[in-house]
Amino acid sequence: MEYKLVAVDMDGTLLTPQLEISEETVETINRVIEKSVIFTLSTGRMYLAAIPFANMLNLDVPIITCNGALTKCSRTGKVYDIKKIDKKLSSKVIKYCEEAGISVSIYMEDDIYIQKNSENLDIHMQIDLAKPQIVVDFDSLLDGSIIKIMFNSSDKYKLEQHTRKLYELYKEQLNFYFSLPHFVEIVHKEANKRNALENLARKFNIKREEIIAMGDNFNDKDMIEYAGLGVAMGNAPDYLKEVAEFVTHSNDEDGVRHVLEKFILNR
């Protein structure tokens, strides 16, 4: 099979545990792009947190961010697809989190907003590589422009308890994703990596069987099942490995590079 599109998750997949891309992987990706294969990112990260890595790879393609809620060109900034959360839903979710004492972060297209004394400040600085805007309250942001709501708690039981309640309330209207050890991300019901990847393939007139998708976590499952070649990382949980067509090395062992060399560069 001649693959024409490769979509790769970032954290736990393309990035090492040190949040880096190995030089060998960068070189391999460059060789893949030279063969006119479209290589893109498909991440739960916000756009601005993905751009430094897209620039490192010299990508000039639409990249999938915020778990499929925003697809935007890495070079020009052109928006190809954006799915915003209804402002009434946003208000209800935020109010619930505030009353439960859970730290909330609000994602617009290129900005993150938190309230004063939020536990999330350092996390955004380290992971999103962005300094959040600090606001007194979220009322002024409830204008229908929110694309992701993230909340967290270091208390695992508390996090699971409130996530379960929110899920039961809004599972028909919103998608819920766990990310990292203590985070829950909420996006539009139609926002997921599979839909975003399918839209991208349609734009470039690429068939499903001509796509490789790689990931390591639950939010990657739908795109791995959709792609012609769905790949789970060696560090992925068993349920993801079971639905994948191929299991590669871990993210600490250049698993992405291994797949590109085996299925595209024929090494």
C-alpha atoms as a PDB file:
ATOM      1  CA  MET A   1       0.000   0.000   0.000  1.00  0.00           C
ATOM      2  CA  GLU A   2       1.227   3.493  -0.861  1.00  0.00           C
ATOM      3  CA  TYR A   3       0.416   5.703   2.107  1.00  0.00           C
ATOM      4  CA  LYS A   4      -0.241   9.376   1.406  1.00  0.00           C
ATOM      5  CA  LEU A   5      -1.175  10.829   4.803  1.00  0.00           C
ATOM      6  CA  VAL A   6       0.305  10.247   8.252  1.00  0.00           C
ATOM      7  CA  ALA A   7      -1.381  11.680  11.369  1.00  0.00           C
ATOM      8  CA  VAL A   8       0.582  11.401  14.602  1.00  0.00           C
ATOM      9  CA  ASP A   9      -0.370  12.153  18.190  1.00  0.00           C
ATOM     10  CA  MET A  10       2.197  14.157  20.155  1.00  0.00           C
ATOM     11  CA  ASP A  11       2.404  13.426  23.900  1.00  0.00           C
ATOM     12  CA  GLY A  12       3.247   9.788  24.495  1.00  0.00           C
ATOM     13  CA  THR A  13       3.680   9.199  20.762  1.00  0.00           C
ATOM     14  CA  LEU A  14       5.867  11.568  18.741  1.00  0.00           C
ATOM     15  CA  LEU A  15       7.367  13.226  21.821  1.00  0.00           C
ATOM     16  CA  THR A  16       9.729  11.420  24.157  1.00  0.00           C
ATOM     17  CA  PRO A  17       9.011  11.414  27.918  1.00  0.00           C
ATOM     18  CA  GLN A  18      11.237  14.527  27.998  1.00  0.00           C
ATOM     19  CA  LEU A  19       8.816  16.236  25.550  1.00  0.00           C
ATOM     20  CA  GLU A  20      11.343  16.197  22.726  1.00  0.00           C
ATOM     21  CA  ILE A  21      11.571  14.758  19.203  1.00  0.00           C
ATOM     22  CA  SER A  22      14.748  12.791  18.567  1.00  0.00           C
ATOM     23  CA  GLU A  23      17.047  13.988  15.793  1.00  0.00           C
ATOM     24  CA  GLU A  24      16.684  10.625  14.076  1.00  0.00           C
ATOM     25  CA  THR A  25      12.902  10.952  14.018  1.00  0.00           C
ATOM     26  CA  VAL A  26      13.097  14.507  12.650  1.00  0.00           C
ATOM     27  CA  GLU A  27      15.371  13.317   9.838  1.00  0.00           C
ATOM     28  CA  THR A  28      13.048  10.410   9.029  1.00  0.00           C
ATOM     29  CA  ILE A  29       9.991  12.691   8.928  1.00  0.00           C
ATOM     30  CA  ASN A  30      11.834  14.992   6.531  1.00  0.00           C
ATOM     31  CA  ARG A  31      12.533  12.053   4.226  1.00  0.00           C
ATOM     32  CA  VAL A  32       8.871  11.039   4.356  1.00  0.00           C
ATOM     33  CA  ILE A  33       7.772  14.569   3.424  1.00  0.00           C
ATOM     34  CA  GLU A  34      10.278  14.553   0.539  1.00  0.00           C
ATOM     35  CA  LYS A  35       8.317  11.596  -0.853  1.00  0.00           C
ATOM     36  CA  SER A  36       5.256  13.904  -1.067  1.00  0.00           C
ATOM     37  CA  VAL A  37       3.554  12.208   1.876  1.00  0.00           C
ATOM     38  CA  ILE A  38       1.511  14.568   4.037  1.00  0.00           C
ATOM     39  CA  PHE A  39       2.736  14.377   7.622  1.00  0.00           C
ATOM     40  CA  THR A  40       0.589  16.101  10.239  1.00  0.00           C
ATOM     41  CA  LEU A  41       0.058  16.317  13.972  1.00  0.00           C
ATOM     42  CA  SER A  42      -3.132  15.203  15.707  1.00  0.00           C
ATOM     43  CA  THR A  43      -3.064  16.294  19.312  1.00  0.00           C
ATOM     44  CA  GLY A  44      -5.093  17.260  22.327  1.00  0.00           C
ATOM     45  CA  ARG A  45      -2.777  20.231  22.753  1.00  0.00           C
ATOM     46  CA  MET A  46      -3.886  23.711  21.800  1.00  0.00           C
ATOM     47  CA  TYR A  47      -2.631  25.080  18.493  1.00  0.00           C
ATOM     48  CA  LEU A  48       0.038  27.358  20.008  1.00  0.00           C
ATOM     49  CA  ALA A  49       1.448  24.458  22.042  1.00  0.00           C
ATOM     50  CA  ALA A  50       1.810  22.343  18.897  1.00  0.00           C
ATOM     51  CA  ILE A  51       3.331  25.025  16.666  1.00  0.00           C
ATOM     52  CA  PRO A  52       6.901  24.918  18.079  1.00  0.00           C
ATOM     53  CA  PHE A  53       7.093  21.235  17.142  1.00  0.00           C
ATOM     54  CA  ALA A  54       5.430  21.797  13.765  1.00  0.00           C
ATOM     55  CA  ASN A  55       8.056  24.461  13.038  1.00  0.00           C
ATOM     56  CA  MET A  56      10.814  22.106  14.143  1.00  0.00           C
ATOM     57  CA  LEU A  57       9.563  19.669  11.497  1.00  0.00           C
ATOM     58  CA  ASN A  58       9.088  22.481   8.955  1.00  0.00           C
ATOM     59  CA  LEU A  59       5.455  21.492   8.436  1.00  0.00           C
ATOM     60  CA  ASP A  60       3.232  23.492   6.098  1.00  0.00           C
ATOM     61  CA  VAL A  61      -0.046  21.603   6.520  1.00  0.00           C
ATOM     62  CA  PRO A  62      -3.263  21.768   8.535  1.00  0.00           C
ATOM     63  CA  ILE A  63      -2.639  20.305  11.995  1.00  0.00           C
ATOM     64  CA  ILE A  64      -5.343  18.811  14.220  1.00  0.00           C
ATOM     65  CA  THR A  65      -5.425  20.317  17.710  1.00  0.00           C
ATOM     66  CA  CYS A  66      -7.624  20.360  20.833  1.00  0.00           C
ATOM     67  CA  ASN A  67      -8.685  16.750  20.166  1.00  0.00           C
ATOM     68  CA  GLY A  68     -10.153  17.670  16.792  1.00  0.00           C
ATOM     69  CA  ALA A  69     -11.899  20.885  17.810  1.00  0.00           C
ATOM     70  CA  LEU A  70      -9.510  23.050  15.767  1.00  0.00           C
ATOM     71  CA  THR A  71      -7.717  22.245  12.511  1.00  0.00           C
ATOM     72  CA  LYS A  72      -5.445  25.065  11.454  1.00  0.00           C
ATOM     73  CA  CYS A  73      -2.524  25.452   9.040  1.00  0.00           C
ATOM     74  CA  SER A  74       0.839  25.359  10.773  1.00  0.00           C
ATOM     75  CA  ARG A  75       2.378  27.880   8.376  1.00  0.00           C
ATOM     76  CA  THR A  76      -0.366  30.349   7.435  1.00  0.00           C
ATOM     77  CA  GLY A  77      -2.702  30.063  10.417  1.00  0.00           C
ATOM     78  CA  LYS A  78      -5.671  29.453   8.127  1.00  0.00           C
ATOM     79  CA  VAL A  79      -8.524  27.758   9.987  1.00  0.00           C
ATOM     80  CA  TYR A  80      -9.872  24.698   8.176  1.00  0.00           C
ATOM     81  CA  ASP A  81     -12.306  23.542  10.827  1.00  0.00           C
ATOM     82  CA  ILE A  82     -13.376  24.757  14.261  1.00  0.00           C
ATOM     83  CA  LYS A  83     -16.014  23.366  16.589  1.00  0.00           C
ATOM     84  CA  LYS A  84     -17.057  25.639  19.441  1.00  0.00           C
ATOM     85  CA  ILE A  85     -18.951  24.643  22.550  1.00  0.00           C
ATOM     86  CA  ASP A  86     -22.433  26.131  22.918  1.00  0.00           C
ATOM     87  CA  LYS A  87     -22.242  29.028  25.384  1.00  0.00           C
ATOM     88  CA  LYS A  88     -25.091  27.686  27.529  1.00  0.00           C
ATOM     89  CA  LEU A  89     -23.312  24.351  27.856  1.00  0.00           C
ATOM     90  CA  SER A  90     -20.038  26.107  28.657  1.00  0.00           C
ATOM     91  CA  SER A  91     -21.739  28.096  31.387  1.00  0.00           C
ATOM     92  CA  LYS A  92     -23.280  25.000  32.978  1.00  0.00           C
ATOM     93  CA  VAL A  93     -20.023  23.014  32.961  1.00  0.00           C
ATOM     94  CA  ILE A  94     -17.971  25.896  34.347  1.00  0.00           C
ATOM     95  CA  LYS A  95     -20.519  26.599  37.066  1.00  0.00           C
ATOM     96  CA  TYR A  96     -20.508  22.943  38.104  1.00  0.00           C
ATOM     97  CA  CYS A  97     -16.686  22.878  38.317  1.00  0.00           C
ATOM     98  CA  GLU A  98     -16.531  26.097  40.303  1.00  0.00           C
ATOM     99  CA  GLU A  99     -19.092  24.843  42.815  1.00  0.00           C
ATOM    100  CA  ALA A 100     -17.175  21.567  43.109  1.00  0.00           C
ATOM    101  CA  GLY A 101     -13.914  23.405  43.797  1.00  0.00           C
ATOM    102  CA  ILE A 102     -12.232  22.133  40.640  1.00  0.00           C
ATOM    103  CA  SER A 103      -9.658  24.281  38.801  1.00  0.00           C
ATOM    104  CA  VAL A 104     -10.896  25.152  35.312  1.00  0.00           C
ATOM    105  CA  SER A 105      -9.079  26.364  32.204  1.00  0.00           C
ATOM    106  CA  ILE A 106     -10.875  27.823  29.176  1.00  0.00           C
ATOM    107  CA  TYR A 107      -9.416  27.481  25.689  1.00  0.00           C
ATOM    108  CA  MET A 108     -10.257  29.904  22.900  1.00  0.00           C
ATOM    109  CA  GLU A 109      -8.555  29.607  19.500  1.00  0.00           C
ATOM    110  CA  ASP A 110      -5.141  30.956  20.563  1.00  0.00           C
ATOM    111  CA  ASP A 111      -5.562  31.769  24.245  1.00  0.00           C
ATOM    112  CA  ILE A 112      -6.032  30.050  27.598  1.00  0.00           C
ATOM    113  CA  TYR A 113      -7.916  31.691  30.444  1.00  0.00           C
ATOM    114  CA  ILE A 114      -7.747  30.811  34.128  1.00  0.00           C
ATOM    115  CA  GLN A 115      -8.907  32.448  37.315  1.00  0.00           C
ATOM    116  CA  LYS A 116      -6.599  33.960  39.907  1.00  0.00           C
ATOM    117  CA  ASN A 117      -4.912  31.401  42.186  1.00  0.00           C
ATOM    118  CA  SER A 118      -5.719  28.570  39.771  1.00  0.00           C
ATOM    119  CA  GLU A 119      -3.670  25.411  40.228  1.00  0.00           C
ATOM    120  CA  ASN A 120      -3.284  25.220  36.445  1.00  0.00           C
ATOM    121  CA  LEU A 121      -0.876  28.127  35.881  1.00  0.00           C
ATOM    122  CA  ASP A 122       2.397  26.204  36.087  1.00  0.00           C
ATOM    123  CA  ILE A 123       0.930  23.311  34.121  1.00  0.00           C
ATOM    124  CA  HIS A 124       0.086  25.537  31.160  1.00  0.00           C
ATOM    125  CA  MET A 125       3.494  27.182  31.263  1.00  0.00           C
ATOM    126  CA  GLN A 126       5.247  23.800  31.171  1.00  0.00           C
ATOM    127  CA  ILE A 127       2.985  21.743  28.903  1.00  0.00           C
ATOM    128  CA  ASP A 128       1.171  24.238  26.669  1.00  0.00           C
ATOM    129  CA  LEU A 129       4.208  26.529  26.490  1.00  0.00           C
ATOM    130  CA  ALA A 130       1.778  29.418  26.864  1.00  0.00           C
ATOM    131  CA  LYS A 131       1.062  31.946  29.569  1.00  0.00           C
ATOM    132  CA  PRO A 132      -2.658  31.903  30.409  1.00  0.00           C
ATOM    133  CA  GLN A 133      -4.689  35.077  30.703  1.00  0.00           C
ATOM    134  CA  ILE A 134      -5.870  35.547  34.296  1.00  0.00           C
ATOM    135  CA  VAL A 135      -9.461  36.741  34.741  1.00  0.00           C
ATOM    136  CA  VAL A 136     -11.630  37.520  37.770  1.00  0.00           C
ATOM    137  CA  ASP A 137     -14.425  35.304  36.447  1.00  0.00           C
ATOM    138  CA  PHE A 138     -15.357  33.539  33.230  1.00  0.00           C
ATOM    139  CA  ASP A 139     -18.618  35.387  32.574  1.00  0.00           C
ATOM    140  CA  SER A 140     -17.169  37.651  29.880  1.00  0.00           C
ATOM    141  CA  LEU A 141     -15.841  34.623  27.986  1.00  0.00           C
ATOM    142  CA  LEU A 142     -19.185  32.891  27.619  1.00  0.00           C
ATOM    143  CA  ASP A 143     -19.826  34.202  24.118  1.00  0.00           C
ATOM    144  CA  GLY A 144     -19.752  30.961  22.147  1.00  0.00           C
ATOM    145  CA  SER A 145     -16.010  31.128  21.363  1.00  0.00           C
ATOM    146  CA  ILE A 146     -14.821  28.382  23.705  1.00  0.00           C
ATOM    147  CA  ILE A 147     -13.392  25.323  21.971  1.00  0.00           C
ATOM    148  CA  LYS A 148     -12.158  23.382  25.007  1.00  0.00           C
ATOM    149  CA  ILE A 149     -12.727  23.290  28.752  1.00  0.00           C
ATOM    150  CA  MET A 150     -10.118  21.570  30.883  1.00  0.00           C
ATOM    151  CA  PHE A 151     -10.328  20.776  34.565  1.00  0.00           C
ATOM    152  CA  ASN A 152      -8.118  18.855  36.946  1.00  0.00           C
ATOM    153  CA  SER A 153      -7.663  17.653  40.479  1.00  0.00           C
ATOM    154  CA  SER A 154      -4.784  15.926  42.230  1.00  0.00           C
ATOM    155  CA  ASP A 155      -7.449  13.949  44.109  1.00  0.00           C
ATOM    156  CA  LYS A 156      -8.075  11.029  41.747  1.00  0.00           C
ATOM    157  CA  TYR A 157     -11.316  10.001  43.451  1.00  0.00           C
ATOM    158  CA  LYS A 158     -12.685  13.539  43.325  1.00  0.00           C
ATOM    159  CA  LEU A 159     -11.737  13.874  39.657  1.00  0.00           C
ATOM    160  CA  GLU A 160     -13.398  10.606  38.651  1.00  0.00           C
ATOM    161  CA  GLN A 161     -16.485  11.336  40.737  1.00  0.00           C
ATOM    162  CA  HIS A 162     -17.156  14.731  39.173  1.00  0.00           C
ATOM    163  CA  THR A 163     -16.199  13.595  35.682  1.00  0.00           C
ATOM    164  CA  ARG A 164     -18.763  10.799  35.971  1.00  0.00           C
ATOM    165  CA  LYS A 165     -21.449  13.262  37.031  1.00  0.00           C
ATOM    166  CA  LEU A 166     -20.662  15.710  34.231  1.00  0.00           C
ATOM    167  CA  TYR A 167     -20.537  12.870  31.715  1.00  0.00           C
ATOM    168  CA  GLU A 168     -23.973  11.620  32.711  1.00  0.00           C
ATOM    169  CA  LEU A 169     -25.357  15.153  32.424  1.00  0.00           C
ATOM    170  CA  TYR A 170     -23.826  16.087  29.075  1.00  0.00           C
ATOM    171  CA  LYS A 171     -22.637  12.918  27.302  1.00  0.00           C
ATOM    172  CA  GLU A 172     -25.118  13.492  24.473  1.00  0.00           C
ATOM    173  CA  GLN A 173     -23.801  17.003  23.852  1.00  0.00           C
ATOM    174  CA  LEU A 174     -20.091  16.923  24.674  1.00  0.00           C
ATOM    175  CA  ASN A 175     -17.029  14.683  24.397  1.00  0.00           C
ATOM    176  CA  PHE A 176     -14.901  13.951  27.460  1.00  0.00           C
ATOM    177  CA  TYR A 177     -11.232  12.926  27.344  1.00  0.00           C
ATOM    178  CA  PHE A 178      -8.757  12.109  30.097  1.00  0.00           C
ATOM    179  CA  SER A 179      -5.273  13.484  29.415  1.00  0.00           C
ATOM    180  CA  LEU A 180      -2.122  13.192  31.492  1.00  0.00           C
ATOM    181  CA  PRO A 181      -2.707  11.757  34.980  1.00  0.00           C
ATOM    182  CA  HIS A 182      -5.161  14.264  36.425  1.00  0.00           C
ATOM    183  CA  PHE A 183      -6.820  16.164  33.583  1.00  0.00           C
ATOM    184  CA  VAL A 184     -10.176  16.001  31.849  1.00  0.00           C
ATOM    185  CA  GLU A 185     -10.785  17.811  28.562  1.00  0.00           C
ATOM    186  CA  ILE A 186     -14.260  18.680  27.268  1.00  0.00           C
ATOM    187  CA  VAL A 187     -14.985  19.545  23.633  1.00  0.00           C
ATOM    188  CA  HIS A 188     -17.874  19.732  21.160  1.00  0.00           C
ATOM    189  CA  LYS A 189     -19.663  16.410  20.588  1.00  0.00           C
ATOM    190  CA  GLU A 190     -18.448  16.226  16.975  1.00  0.00           C
ATOM    191  CA  ALA A 191     -14.882  17.145  17.882  1.00  0.00           C
ATOM    192  CA  ASN A 192     -12.642  14.098  17.801  1.00  0.00           C
ATOM    193  CA  LYS A 193      -9.508  13.061  15.981  1.00  0.00           C
ATOM    194  CA  ARG A 194     -11.313  10.706  13.621  1.00  0.00           C
ATOM    195  CA  ASN A 195     -13.707  13.353  12.282  1.00  0.00           C
ATOM    196  CA  ALA A 196     -10.883  15.849  11.906  1.00  0.00           C
ATOM    197  CA  LEU A 197      -8.709  13.309  10.098  1.00  0.00           C
ATOM    198  CA  GLU A 198     -11.583  12.284   7.833  1.00  0.00           C
ATOM    199  CA  ASN A 199     -12.198  15.929   6.917  1.00  0.00           C
ATOM    200  CA  LEU A 200      -8.515  16.408   6.193  1.00  0.00           C
ATOM    201  CA  ALA A 201      -8.380  13.322   3.988  1.00  0.00           C
ATOM    202  CA  ARG A 202     -11.407  14.574   2.068  1.00  0.00           C
ATOM    203  CA  LYS A 203      -9.711  17.930   1.500  1.00  0.00           C
ATOM    204  CA  PHE A 204      -6.634  16.262  -0.011  1.00  0.00           C
ATOM    205  CA  ASN A 205      -8.661  13.597  -1.837  1.00  0.00           C
ATOM    206  CA  ILE A 206      -6.960  10.799   0.086  1.00  0.00           C
ATOM    207  CA  LYS A 207      -8.611   7.432   0.647  1.00  0.00           C
ATOM    208  CA  ARG A 208      -9.035   5.956   4.099  1.00  0.00           C
ATOM    209  CA  GLU A 209      -6.769   3.020   3.289  1.00  0.00           C
ATOM    210  CA  GLU A 210      -3.981   5.445   2.325  1.00  0.00           C
ATOM    211  CA  ILE A 211      -3.773   6.863   5.872  1.00  0.00           C
ATOM    212  CA  ILE A 212      -1.529   5.950   8.808  1.00  0.00           C
ATOM    213  CA  ALA A 213      -2.599   7.135  12.269  1.00  0.00           C
ATOM    214  CA  MET A 214      -0.465   6.675  15.398  1.00  0.00           C
ATOM    215  CA  GLY A 215      -1.307   7.212  19.052  1.00  0.00           C
ATOM    216  CA  ASP A 216      -0.980   6.023  22.624  1.00  0.00           C
ATOM    217  CA  ASN A 217      -4.186   6.873  24.460  1.00  0.00           C
ATOM    218  CA  PHE A 218      -7.984   6.772  24.497  1.00  0.00           C
ATOM    219  CA  ASN A 219      -8.392   9.990  22.492  1.00  0.00           C
ATOM    220  CA  ASP A 220      -6.451   8.330  19.656  1.00  0.00           C
ATOM    221  CA  LYS A 221      -8.654   5.251  19.467  1.00  0.00           C
ATOM    222  CA  ASP A 222     -11.171   6.564  16.935  1.00  0.00           C
ATOM    223  CA  MET A 223      -8.564   7.752  14.436  1.00  0.00           C
ATOM    224  CA  ILE A 224      -6.561   4.532  14.827  1.00  0.00           C
ATOM    225  CA  GLU A 225      -9.690   2.521  14.022  1.00  0.00           C
ATOM    226  CA  TYR A 226     -10.460   4.808  11.063  1.00  0.00           C
ATOM    227  CA  ALA A 227      -7.052   4.821   9.378  1.00  0.00           C
ATOM    228  CA  GLY A 228      -5.985   2.229   6.831  1.00  0.00           C
ATOM    229  CA  LEU A 229      -3.068   1.456   9.126  1.00  0.00           C
ATOM    230  CA  GLY A 230      -3.830   2.178  12.766  1.00  0.00           C
ATOM    231  CA  VAL A 231      -0.750   2.065  14.968  1.00  0.00           C
ATOM    232  CA  ALA A 232      -0.548   1.846  18.757  1.00  0.00           C
ATOM    233  CA  MET A 233       2.626   2.781  20.582  1.00  0.00           C
ATOM    234  CA  GLY A 234       4.462   0.227  22.691  1.00  0.00           C
ATOM    235  CA  ASN A 235       3.616   2.348  25.725  1.00  0.00           C
ATOM    236  CA  ALA A 236      -0.121   2.355  24.885  1.00  0.00           C
ATOM    237  CA  PRO A 237      -2.662   0.501  27.060  1.00  0.00           C
ATOM    238  CA  ASP A 238      -3.740  -2.969  25.986  1.00  0.00           C
ATOM    239  CA  TYR A 239      -7.208  -1.906  24.778  1.00  0.00           C
ATOM    240  CA  LEU A 240      -5.583   0.383  22.192  1.00  0.00           C
ATOM    241  CA  LYS A 241      -3.138  -2.276  21.055  1.00  0.00           C
ATOM    242  CA  GLU A 242      -6.063  -4.650  20.525  1.00  0.00           C
ATOM    243  CA  VAL A 243      -7.795  -2.355  18.014  1.00  0.00           C
ATOM    244  CA  ALA A 244      -4.594  -1.357  16.180  1.00  0.00           C
ATOM    245  CA  GLU A 245      -3.306  -3.134  13.080  1.00  0.00           C
ATOM    246  CA  PHE A 246       0.276  -2.659  14.201  1.00  0.00           C
ATOM    247  CA  VAL A 247       2.056  -2.076  17.513  1.00  0.00           C
ATOM    248  CA  THR A 248       5.335  -0.180  17.316  1.00  0.00           C
ATOM    249  CA  HIS A 249       8.067   0.632  19.824  1.00  0.00           C
ATOM    250  CA  SER A 250       7.436   3.023  22.697  1.00  0.00           C
ATOM    251  CA  ASN A 251       7.765   6.799  22.434  1.00  0.00           C
ATOM    252  CA  ASP A 252      11.093   6.468  24.251  1.00  0.00           C
ATOM    253  CA  GLU A 253      12.336   4.101  21.534  1.00  0.00           C
ATOM    254  CA  ASP A 254      11.501   6.136  18.421  1.00  0.00           C
ATOM    255  CA  GLY A 255       8.328   4.169  17.704  1.00  0.00           C
ATOM    256  CA  VAL A 256       7.104   6.728  15.164  1.00  0.00           C
ATOM    257  CA  ARG A 257      10.367   6.550  13.232  1.00  0.00           C
ATOM    258  CA  HIS A 258      10.149   2.764  13.162  1.00  0.00           C
ATOM    259  CA  VAL A 259       6.694   2.891  11.518  1.00  0.00           C
ATOM    260  CA  LEU A 260       7.732   5.484   8.930  1.00  0.00           C
ATOM    261  CA  GLU A 261      10.812   3.502   7.952  1.00  0.00           C
ATOM    262  CA  LYS A 262       8.930   0.202   7.747  1.00  0.00           C
ATOM    263  CA  PHE A 263       5.774   1.274   5.894  1.00  0.00           C
ATOM    264  CA  ILE A 264       6.831   4.333   3.872  1.00  0.00           C
ATOM    265  CA  LEU A 265      10.601   4.294   3.400  1.00  0.00           C
ATOM    266  CA  ASN A 266      10.654   0.479   3.096  1.00  0.00           C
ATOM    267  CA  ARG A 267      13.698   0.019   5.290  1.00  0.00           C
END
